[in-house]
Amino acid sequence: MSHFHEKLRSFFPTHTVVDHDHDHIIIRVTIATLVHAQLKPWKYSPPVDVLRCNIISQQYIEEPCSIVYAAFFDDASNALTVYKGYDTLVALRLVEQSGHALENNEATLDILNHVTMREMLDRIEEQKAQSQCENGWC
């Protein structure tokens, strides 16, 4: 866990660990901290929906709230990759860029380790291949 935690500290120097095991760690950080973190979208995620981001940013301005994200460490690029909640992250960056202050509400991140994510990606690829074969495409 220490190597995993060291990586995490490089992205979020100040965070609170809520729970952890060998597959993942759940942390809390302020939304302002999250917005400034070097995060990237998962390569299998759909493109950012700008219209949706604008709607989310307006909703946040009207009623700030806590937000949940899911991410994993990409060892190949040494990056923290968001696979759930990236549009919301973009929306919060829009809130800040528009001159509105980000509330000190917390964001919760469930961060998978790279082994767990690799297993998940392998299952996705297997299911995709199986689906193609069932549809007569192989």
N, C-alpha and C. Protein backbone atom coordinates (compact mmCIF):
# COMPACT_ATOMS: atom_id res chain seq x y z
N MET A 1 0.82 -1.20 0.00
CA MET A 1 0.00 0.00 0.00
C MET A 1 0.87 1.26 0.00
N SER A 2 2.07 1.20 0.52
CA SER A 2 2.87 2.42 0.64
C SER A 2 3.22 3.02 -0.73
N HIS A 3 3.56 2.18 -1.73
CA HIS A 3 3.87 2.69 -3.07
C HIS A 3 2.63 3.36 -3.66
N PHE A 4 1.50 2.72 -3.50
CA PHE A 4 0.21 3.25 -3.95
C PHE A 4 -0.07 4.58 -3.26
N HIS A 5 0.17 4.65 -1.97
CA HIS A 5 -0.10 5.86 -1.21
C HIS A 5 0.88 6.98 -1.59
N GLU A 6 2.12 6.65 -1.87
CA GLU A 6 3.10 7.65 -2.34
C GLU A 6 2.65 8.28 -3.65
N LYS A 7 2.18 7.44 -4.59
CA LYS A 7 1.68 7.96 -5.85
C LYS A 7 0.51 8.90 -5.60
N LEU A 8 -0.39 8.48 -4.74
CA LEU A 8 -1.57 9.27 -4.43
C LEU A 8 -1.18 10.62 -3.85
N ARG A 9 -0.21 10.63 -2.97
CA ARG A 9 0.25 11.87 -2.35
C ARG A 9 0.84 12.84 -3.38
N SER A 10 1.40 12.31 -4.47
CA SER A 10 1.93 13.20 -5.50
C SER A 10 0.82 13.94 -6.24
N PHE A 11 -0.37 13.36 -6.30
CA PHE A 11 -1.51 14.02 -6.92
C PHE A 11 -2.29 14.88 -5.93
N PHE A 12 -2.43 14.39 -4.71
CA PHE A 12 -3.21 15.07 -3.67
C PHE A 12 -2.41 15.12 -2.37
N PRO A 13 -1.54 16.13 -2.21
CA PRO A 13 -0.73 16.21 -1.00
C PRO A 13 -1.57 16.23 0.28
N THR A 14 -2.76 16.83 0.20
CA THR A 14 -3.65 16.88 1.35
C THR A 14 -4.91 16.11 1.01
N HIS A 15 -5.12 14.99 1.69
CA HIS A 15 -6.31 14.19 1.49
C HIS A 15 -6.60 13.38 2.75
N THR A 16 -7.80 12.88 2.83
CA THR A 16 -8.19 12.03 3.95
C THR A 16 -8.52 10.66 3.40
N VAL A 17 -7.91 9.62 3.95
CA VAL A 17 -8.21 8.25 3.52
C VAL A 17 -9.47 7.81 4.26
N VAL A 18 -10.48 7.42 3.50
CA VAL A 18 -11.74 6.96 4.08
C VAL A 18 -11.70 5.45 4.29
N ASP A 19 -11.17 4.74 3.29
CA ASP A 19 -11.11 3.28 3.36
C ASP A 19 -10.07 2.81 2.35
N HIS A 20 -9.53 1.62 2.55
CA HIS A 20 -8.59 1.07 1.56
C HIS A 20 -8.47 -0.42 1.75
N ASP A 21 -8.10 -1.10 0.67
CA ASP A 21 -7.69 -2.49 0.71
C ASP A 21 -6.71 -2.69 -0.44
N HIS A 22 -6.40 -3.93 -0.80
CA HIS A 22 -5.39 -4.14 -1.84
C HIS A 22 -5.88 -3.76 -3.23
N ASP A 23 -7.19 -3.59 -3.43
CA ASP A 23 -7.72 -3.25 -4.75
C ASP A 23 -7.94 -1.77 -4.97
N HIS A 24 -8.21 -1.03 -3.91
CA HIS A 24 -8.53 0.38 -4.09
C HIS A 24 -8.34 1.16 -2.81
N ILE A 25 -8.40 2.49 -2.96
CA ILE A 25 -8.35 3.39 -1.82
C ILE A 25 -9.42 4.45 -2.07
N ILE A 26 -10.17 4.78 -1.04
CA ILE A 26 -11.17 5.83 -1.14
C ILE A 26 -10.67 7.01 -0.33
N ILE A 27 -10.62 8.17 -1.00
CA ILE A 27 -10.12 9.38 -0.32
C ILE A 27 -11.13 10.51 -0.46
N ARG A 28 -10.95 11.52 0.38
CA ARG A 28 -11.71 12.75 0.28
C ARG A 28 -10.73 13.90 0.14
N VAL A 29 -11.04 14.80 -0.79
CA VAL A 29 -10.28 16.03 -0.99
C VAL A 29 -11.29 17.15 -1.21
N THR A 30 -10.84 18.38 -1.05
CA THR A 30 -11.75 19.47 -1.37
C THR A 30 -11.93 19.54 -2.88
N ILE A 31 -13.05 20.08 -3.31
CA ILE A 31 -13.31 20.21 -4.73
C ILE A 31 -12.27 21.12 -5.38
N ALA A 32 -11.86 22.15 -4.67
CA ALA A 32 -10.84 23.05 -5.21
C ALA A 32 -9.54 22.28 -5.47
N THR A 33 -9.17 21.38 -4.58
CA THR A 33 -7.97 20.56 -4.76
C THR A 33 -8.12 19.66 -5.98
N LEU A 34 -9.29 19.06 -6.11
CA LEU A 34 -9.54 18.15 -7.22
C LEU A 34 -9.46 18.86 -8.56
N VAL A 35 -10.03 20.05 -8.65
CA VAL A 35 -10.05 20.81 -9.90
C VAL A 35 -8.64 21.13 -10.39
N HIS A 36 -7.71 21.32 -9.47
CA HIS A 36 -6.34 21.67 -9.84
C HIS A 36 -5.42 20.46 -10.00
N ALA A 37 -5.93 19.27 -9.70
CA ALA A 37 -5.11 18.06 -9.83
C ALA A 37 -4.92 17.71 -11.30
N GLN A 38 -3.80 17.08 -11.60
CA GLN A 38 -3.50 16.64 -12.96
C GLN A 38 -4.19 15.30 -13.21
N LEU A 39 -5.41 15.38 -13.73
CA LEU A 39 -6.21 14.19 -14.02
C LEU A 39 -6.51 14.15 -15.51
N LYS A 40 -6.69 12.96 -16.03
CA LYS A 40 -7.03 12.84 -17.44
C LYS A 40 -8.20 11.88 -17.59
N PRO A 41 -8.96 12.00 -18.69
CA PRO A 41 -10.07 11.07 -18.90
C PRO A 41 -9.56 9.71 -19.35
N TRP A 42 -10.33 8.69 -19.06
CA TRP A 42 -10.03 7.33 -19.49
C TRP A 42 -10.12 7.27 -21.01
N LYS A 43 -9.23 6.55 -21.66
CA LYS A 43 -9.20 6.51 -23.13
C LYS A 43 -10.46 5.88 -23.72
N TYR A 44 -11.21 5.10 -22.94
CA TYR A 44 -12.44 4.48 -23.43
C TYR A 44 -13.68 5.32 -23.12
N SER A 45 -13.50 6.45 -22.45
CA SER A 45 -14.63 7.31 -22.13
C SER A 45 -15.09 8.04 -23.40
N PRO A 46 -16.38 8.34 -23.46
CA PRO A 46 -16.84 9.14 -24.60
C PRO A 46 -16.26 10.55 -24.50
N PRO A 47 -16.26 11.29 -25.60
CA PRO A 47 -15.75 12.67 -25.54
C PRO A 47 -16.55 13.49 -24.52
N VAL A 48 -15.92 14.52 -24.00
CA VAL A 48 -16.58 15.39 -23.03
C VAL A 48 -17.81 16.01 -23.69
N ASP A 49 -18.94 15.96 -22.99
CA ASP A 49 -20.20 16.53 -23.47
C ASP A 49 -20.28 17.97 -22.96
N VAL A 50 -19.92 18.92 -23.81
CA VAL A 50 -19.82 20.33 -23.40
C VAL A 50 -21.17 20.87 -22.91
N LEU A 51 -22.26 20.51 -23.58
CA LEU A 51 -23.58 20.96 -23.15
C LEU A 51 -23.88 20.46 -21.74
N ARG A 52 -23.60 19.18 -21.50
CA ARG A 52 -23.82 18.60 -20.17
C ARG A 52 -22.94 19.29 -19.13
N CYS A 53 -21.70 19.58 -19.48
CA CYS A 53 -20.78 20.27 -18.56
C CYS A 53 -21.33 21.64 -18.18
N ASN A 54 -21.88 22.37 -19.16
CA ASN A 54 -22.45 23.69 -18.87
C ASN A 54 -23.64 23.58 -17.93
N ILE A 55 -24.48 22.57 -18.13
CA ILE A 55 -25.64 22.36 -17.25
C ILE A 55 -25.18 22.03 -15.84
N ILE A 56 -24.21 21.14 -15.72
CA ILE A 56 -23.69 20.76 -14.40
C ILE A 56 -23.07 21.97 -13.71
N SER A 57 -22.32 22.78 -14.44
CA SER A 57 -21.68 23.94 -13.81
C SER A 57 -22.73 24.92 -13.29
N GLN A 58 -23.80 25.14 -14.05
CA GLN A 58 -24.87 26.04 -13.59
C GLN A 58 -25.56 25.48 -12.35
N GLN A 59 -25.79 24.15 -12.33
CA GLN A 59 -26.41 23.52 -11.16
C GLN A 59 -25.51 23.67 -9.94
N TYR A 60 -24.20 23.52 -10.13
CA TYR A 60 -23.27 23.64 -9.00
C TYR A 60 -23.25 25.08 -8.47
N ILE A 61 -23.30 26.06 -9.37
CA ILE A 61 -23.31 27.46 -8.94
C ILE A 61 -24.56 27.74 -8.10
N GLU A 62 -25.69 27.17 -8.52
CA GLU A 62 -26.95 27.37 -7.80
C GLU A 62 -26.98 26.62 -6.48
N GLU A 63 -26.42 25.42 -6.46
CA GLU A 63 -26.46 24.60 -5.24
C GLU A 63 -25.21 23.72 -5.16
N PRO A 64 -24.13 24.23 -4.55
CA PRO A 64 -22.90 23.44 -4.41
C PRO A 64 -23.18 22.14 -3.65
N CYS A 65 -22.48 21.10 -4.04
CA CYS A 65 -22.69 19.79 -3.42
C CYS A 65 -21.39 18.99 -3.42
N SER A 66 -21.42 17.87 -2.74
CA SER A 66 -20.29 16.94 -2.75
C SER A 66 -20.41 16.06 -3.99
N ILE A 67 -19.30 15.56 -4.47
CA ILE A 67 -19.27 14.81 -5.73
C ILE A 67 -18.41 13.57 -5.56
N VAL A 68 -18.77 12.50 -6.29
CA VAL A 68 -18.03 11.24 -6.23
C VAL A 68 -17.41 10.97 -7.60
N TYR A 69 -16.15 10.57 -7.61
CA TYR A 69 -15.42 10.22 -8.83
C TYR A 69 -14.82 8.83 -8.68
N ALA A 70 -14.52 8.21 -9.81
CA ALA A 70 -13.80 6.94 -9.79
C ALA A 70 -12.61 7.07 -10.74
N ALA A 71 -11.46 6.59 -10.30
CA ALA A 71 -10.23 6.76 -11.07
C ALA A 71 -9.31 5.56 -10.87
N PHE A 72 -8.24 5.53 -11.64
CA PHE A 72 -7.21 4.52 -11.45
C PHE A 72 -5.87 5.09 -11.86
N PHE A 73 -4.80 4.49 -11.34
CA PHE A 73 -3.45 4.89 -11.72
C PHE A 73 -3.08 4.19 -13.01
N ASP A 74 -2.65 4.95 -13.99
CA ASP A 74 -2.15 4.40 -15.24
C ASP A 74 -0.64 4.38 -15.13
N ASP A 75 -0.10 3.22 -14.83
CA ASP A 75 1.34 3.11 -14.62
C ASP A 75 2.14 3.44 -15.88
N ALA A 76 1.58 3.16 -17.06
CA ALA A 76 2.31 3.42 -18.30
C ALA A 76 2.61 4.91 -18.47
N SER A 77 1.64 5.76 -18.11
CA SER A 77 1.85 7.21 -18.27
C SER A 77 2.02 7.91 -16.93
N ASN A 78 2.03 7.14 -15.85
CA ASN A 78 2.15 7.69 -14.49
C ASN A 78 1.11 8.79 -14.26
N ALA A 79 -0.12 8.48 -14.66
CA ALA A 79 -1.20 9.45 -14.55
C ALA A 79 -2.35 8.88 -13.74
N LEU A 80 -3.13 9.77 -13.18
CA LEU A 80 -4.36 9.39 -12.51
C LEU A 80 -5.48 9.61 -13.52
N THR A 81 -6.16 8.55 -13.88
CA THR A 81 -7.15 8.57 -14.95
C THR A 81 -8.56 8.42 -14.38
N VAL A 82 -9.43 9.35 -14.73
CA VAL A 82 -10.81 9.34 -14.24
C VAL A 82 -11.66 8.54 -15.22
N TYR A 83 -12.34 7.49 -14.73
CA TYR A 83 -13.23 6.74 -15.61
C TYR A 83 -14.70 6.94 -15.27
N LYS A 84 -15.00 7.67 -14.21
CA LYS A 84 -16.38 8.02 -13.88
C LYS A 84 -16.37 9.42 -13.27
N GLY A 85 -17.04 10.36 -13.92
CA GLY A 85 -17.15 11.70 -13.38
C GLY A 85 -16.31 12.77 -14.06
N TYR A 86 -15.70 12.45 -15.21
CA TYR A 86 -14.83 13.45 -15.84
C TYR A 86 -15.61 14.67 -16.33
N ASP A 87 -16.83 14.48 -16.86
CA ASP A 87 -17.64 15.63 -17.28
C ASP A 87 -17.90 16.57 -16.11
N THR A 88 -18.13 16.00 -14.93
CA THR A 88 -18.37 16.83 -13.75
C THR A 88 -17.10 17.61 -13.38
N LEU A 89 -15.96 16.97 -13.52
CA LEU A 89 -14.69 17.66 -13.26
C LEU A 89 -14.51 18.84 -14.22
N VAL A 90 -14.80 18.63 -15.49
CA VAL A 90 -14.71 19.71 -16.48
C VAL A 90 -15.69 20.82 -16.10
N ALA A 91 -16.90 20.45 -15.67
CA ALA A 91 -17.91 21.44 -15.27
C ALA A 91 -17.41 22.29 -14.10
N LEU A 92 -16.76 21.65 -13.13
CA LEU A 92 -16.24 22.41 -11.99
C LEU A 92 -15.11 23.34 -12.40
N ARG A 93 -14.33 22.94 -13.38
CA ARG A 93 -13.29 23.83 -13.90
C ARG A 93 -13.94 25.04 -14.58
N LEU A 94 -15.07 24.81 -15.24
CA LEU A 94 -15.81 25.92 -15.86
C LEU A 94 -16.34 26.89 -14.79
N VAL A 95 -16.80 26.33 -13.67
CA VAL A 95 -17.29 27.17 -12.56
C VAL A 95 -16.17 28.11 -12.11
N GLU A 96 -15.00 27.55 -11.91
CA GLU A 96 -13.87 28.35 -11.45
C GLU A 96 -13.45 29.38 -12.51
N GLN A 97 -13.41 28.97 -13.76
CA GLN A 97 -13.02 29.88 -14.84
C GLN A 97 -13.99 31.04 -15.01
N SER A 98 -15.26 30.82 -14.63
CA SER A 98 -16.26 31.88 -14.77
C SER A 98 -16.18 32.88 -13.63
N GLY A 99 -15.25 32.66 -12.70
CA GLY A 99 -15.05 33.62 -11.61
C GLY A 99 -15.81 33.28 -10.33
N HIS A 100 -16.57 32.20 -10.32
CA HIS A 100 -17.27 31.78 -9.11
C HIS A 100 -16.32 30.99 -8.21
N ALA A 101 -16.47 31.20 -6.94
CA ALA A 101 -15.62 30.48 -5.98
C ALA A 101 -16.13 29.05 -5.84
N LEU A 102 -15.20 28.13 -5.79
CA LEU A 102 -15.58 26.75 -5.51
C LEU A 102 -15.75 26.61 -4.01
N GLU A 103 -16.86 26.03 -3.62
CA GLU A 103 -17.10 25.81 -2.19
C GLU A 103 -16.09 24.78 -1.68
N ASN A 104 -15.92 24.74 -0.39
CA ASN A 104 -15.01 23.75 0.19
C ASN A 104 -15.69 22.42 0.44
N ASN A 105 -16.70 22.12 -0.36
CA ASN A 105 -17.31 20.80 -0.27
C ASN A 105 -16.28 19.76 -0.66
N GLU A 106 -16.54 18.54 -0.24
CA GLU A 106 -15.58 17.49 -0.51
C GLU A 106 -15.94 16.69 -1.75
N ALA A 107 -14.92 16.21 -2.40
CA ALA A 107 -15.08 15.24 -3.48
C ALA A 107 -14.54 13.92 -2.95
N THR A 108 -15.20 12.85 -3.28
CA THR A 108 -14.76 11.52 -2.88
C THR A 108 -14.26 10.79 -4.11
N LEU A 109 -13.08 10.23 -4.03
CA LEU A 109 -12.51 9.46 -5.13
C LEU A 109 -12.30 8.02 -4.70
N ASP A 110 -12.76 7.10 -5.52
CA ASP A 110 -12.48 5.69 -5.33
C ASP A 110 -11.43 5.35 -6.38
N ILE A 111 -10.20 5.12 -5.95
CA ILE A 111 -9.08 4.93 -6.87
C ILE A 111 -8.67 3.46 -6.87
N LEU A 112 -8.79 2.82 -8.03
CA LEU A 112 -8.40 1.43 -8.18
C LEU A 112 -6.91 1.34 -8.43
N ASN A 113 -6.31 0.25 -7.97
CA ASN A 113 -4.90 0.07 -8.33
C ASN A 113 -4.81 -0.46 -9.75
N HIS A 114 -3.64 -0.41 -10.35
CA HIS A 114 -3.50 -0.75 -11.78
C HIS A 114 -3.83 -2.19 -12.08
N VAL A 115 -3.60 -3.11 -11.15
CA VAL A 115 -3.88 -4.52 -11.40
C VAL A 115 -5.38 -4.72 -11.53
N THR A 116 -6.14 -4.12 -10.63
CA THR A 116 -7.59 -4.25 -10.68
C THR A 116 -8.13 -3.66 -11.98
N MET A 117 -7.62 -2.52 -12.38
CA MET A 117 -8.08 -1.89 -13.61
C MET A 117 -7.72 -2.74 -14.82
N ARG A 118 -6.54 -3.32 -14.85
CA ARG A 118 -6.12 -4.17 -15.96
C ARG A 118 -7.08 -5.35 -16.07
N GLU A 119 -7.45 -5.95 -14.94
CA GLU A 119 -8.40 -7.07 -14.95
C GLU A 119 -9.74 -6.62 -15.51
N MET A 120 -10.18 -5.44 -15.13
CA MET A 120 -11.45 -4.91 -15.61
C MET A 120 -11.40 -4.68 -17.13
N LEU A 121 -10.31 -4.10 -17.62
CA LEU A 121 -10.17 -3.85 -19.05
C LEU A 121 -10.14 -5.16 -19.83
N ASP A 122 -9.46 -6.16 -19.29
CA ASP A 122 -9.41 -7.47 -19.95
C ASP A 122 -10.81 -8.06 -20.07
N ARG A 123 -11.61 -7.94 -19.01
CA ARG A 123 -12.98 -8.45 -19.04
C ARG A 123 -13.81 -7.70 -20.09
N ILE A 124 -13.63 -6.38 -20.19
CA ILE A 124 -14.36 -5.59 -21.19
C ILE A 124 -14.01 -6.08 -22.60
N GLU A 125 -12.72 -6.29 -22.86
CA GLU A 125 -12.29 -6.75 -24.17
C GLU A 125 -12.84 -8.15 -24.47
N GLU A 126 -12.84 -9.04 -23.47
CA GLU A 126 -13.39 -10.38 -23.66
C GLU A 126 -14.88 -10.32 -23.98
N GLN A 127 -15.62 -9.48 -23.26
CA GLN A 127 -17.06 -9.34 -23.49
C GLN A 127 -17.33 -8.77 -24.87
N LYS A 128 -16.53 -7.80 -25.29
CA LYS A 128 -16.70 -7.19 -26.61
C LYS A 128 -16.46 -8.25 -27.69
N ALA A 129 -15.40 -9.04 -27.55
CA ALA A 129 -15.09 -10.08 -28.53
C ALA A 129 -16.19 -11.14 -28.56
N GLN A 130 -16.68 -11.53 -27.39
CA GLN A 130 -17.74 -12.53 -27.31
C GLN A 130 -19.01 -12.00 -27.97
N SER A 131 -19.34 -10.75 -27.73
CA SER A 131 -20.53 -10.13 -28.31
C SER A 131 -20.43 -10.09 -29.84
N GLN A 132 -19.24 -9.77 -30.33
CA GLN A 132 -19.04 -9.72 -31.78
C GLN A 132 -19.21 -11.11 -32.41
N CYS A 133 -18.71 -12.13 -31.72
CA CYS A 133 -18.84 -13.49 -32.23
C CYS A 133 -20.30 -13.94 -32.20
N GLU A 134 -21.02 -13.58 -31.15
CA GLU A 134 -22.44 -13.94 -31.06
C GLU A 134 -23.25 -13.27 -32.16
N ASN A 135 -22.79 -12.12 -32.64
CA ASN A 135 -23.47 -11.41 -33.72
C ASN A 135 -22.95 -11.79 -35.10
N GLY A 136 -22.09 -12.81 -35.13
CA GLY A 136 -21.57 -13.31 -36.40
C GLY A 136 -20.47 -12.47 -37.02
N TRP A 137 -19.76 -11.67 -36.21
CA TRP A 137 -18.72 -10.80 -36.74
C TRP A 137 -17.31 -11.35 -36.60
N CYS A 138 -17.19 -12.64 -36.27
CA CYS A 138 -15.82 -13.16 -36.16
C CYS A 138 -15.64 -14.39 -37.03
